[in-house]
Amino acid sequence: MVMMEGHIVTTSIRLLFCFVSTVIEFMFGI
């Protein structure tokens, strides 16, 4: 159970990092 929660947290962090990177690239693109 603990490992599963850790996996979910890691996945959420990766998705958040990808989202932030996309927003930054979009802002600098303008």
N, C-alpha and C. Protein backbone atom coordinates (compact mmCIF):
# COMPACT_ATOMS: atom_id res chain seq x y z
N MET A 1 0.84 -1.20 0.00
CA MET A 1 0.00 0.00 0.00
C MET A 1 0.87 1.24 0.00
N VAL A 2 1.89 1.22 0.83
CA VAL A 2 2.78 2.38 0.89
C VAL A 2 3.50 2.59 -0.44
N MET A 3 3.96 1.47 -1.04
CA MET A 3 4.67 1.58 -2.32
C MET A 3 3.73 2.11 -3.40
N MET A 4 2.47 1.67 -3.36
CA MET A 4 1.50 2.13 -4.35
C MET A 4 1.30 3.63 -4.23
N GLU A 5 1.17 4.12 -2.99
CA GLU A 5 0.97 5.56 -2.78
C GLU A 5 2.20 6.32 -3.26
N GLY A 6 3.38 5.76 -2.99
CA GLY A 6 4.62 6.41 -3.43
C GLY A 6 4.67 6.49 -4.95
N HIS A 7 4.19 5.43 -5.61
CA HIS A 7 4.19 5.41 -7.08
C HIS A 7 3.25 6.49 -7.61
N ILE A 8 2.10 6.65 -6.97
CA ILE A 8 1.13 7.67 -7.40
C ILE A 8 1.74 9.07 -7.22
N VAL A 9 2.42 9.27 -6.10
CA VAL A 9 3.03 10.58 -5.85
C VAL A 9 4.09 10.87 -6.90
N THR A 10 4.91 9.86 -7.21
CA THR A 10 5.97 10.05 -8.22
C THR A 10 5.36 10.38 -9.57
N THR A 11 4.30 9.68 -9.93
CA THR A 11 3.65 9.93 -11.21
C THR A 11 3.06 11.34 -11.24
N SER A 12 2.45 11.77 -10.14
CA SER A 12 1.86 13.10 -10.07
C SER A 12 2.94 14.17 -10.23
N ILE A 13 4.10 13.94 -9.59
CA ILE A 13 5.19 14.91 -9.69
C ILE A 13 5.68 15.00 -11.13
N ARG A 14 5.79 13.85 -11.79
CA ARG A 14 6.26 13.84 -13.19
C ARG A 14 5.27 14.58 -14.09
N LEU A 15 3.97 14.33 -13.88
CA LEU A 15 2.95 15.00 -14.69
C LEU A 15 2.99 16.51 -14.44
N LEU A 16 3.16 16.90 -13.16
CA LEU A 16 3.21 18.32 -12.82
C LEU A 16 4.44 18.96 -13.46
N PHE A 17 5.59 18.27 -13.42
CA PHE A 17 6.82 18.80 -14.01
C PHE A 17 6.65 18.99 -15.52
N CYS A 18 6.02 18.00 -16.18
CA CYS A 18 5.78 18.09 -17.63
C CYS A 18 4.86 19.27 -17.94
N PHE A 19 3.83 19.46 -17.11
CA PHE A 19 2.88 20.55 -17.32
C PHE A 19 3.57 21.90 -17.17
N VAL A 20 4.39 22.04 -16.11
CA VAL A 20 5.10 23.29 -15.87
C VAL A 20 6.08 23.57 -17.01
N SER A 21 6.78 22.53 -17.48
CA SER A 21 7.75 22.70 -18.57
C SER A 21 7.02 23.18 -19.83
N THR A 22 5.85 22.60 -20.10
CA THR A 22 5.08 23.01 -21.28
C THR A 22 4.65 24.47 -21.18
N VAL A 23 4.20 24.87 -20.00
CA VAL A 23 3.76 26.26 -19.80
C VAL A 23 4.95 27.21 -19.98
N ILE A 24 6.10 26.87 -19.43
CA ILE A 24 7.29 27.73 -19.55
C ILE A 24 7.70 27.86 -21.01
N GLU A 25 7.71 26.74 -21.73
CA GLU A 25 8.09 26.78 -23.15
C GLU A 25 7.08 27.63 -23.93
N PHE A 26 5.80 27.53 -23.58
CA PHE A 26 4.76 28.30 -24.26
C PHE A 26 4.94 29.80 -24.00
N MET A 27 5.28 30.15 -22.76
CA MET A 27 5.47 31.56 -22.40
C MET A 27 6.69 32.14 -23.12
N PHE A 28 7.81 31.39 -23.11
CA PHE A 28 9.02 31.88 -23.78
C PHE A 28 8.84 31.87 -25.29
N GLY A 29 7.95 30.98 -25.77
CA GLY A 29 7.70 30.90 -27.21
C GLY A 29 7.06 32.18 -27.71
N ILE A 30 6.23 32.81 -26.86
CA ILE A 30 5.57 34.05 -27.23
C ILE A 30 6.59 35.17 -27.16
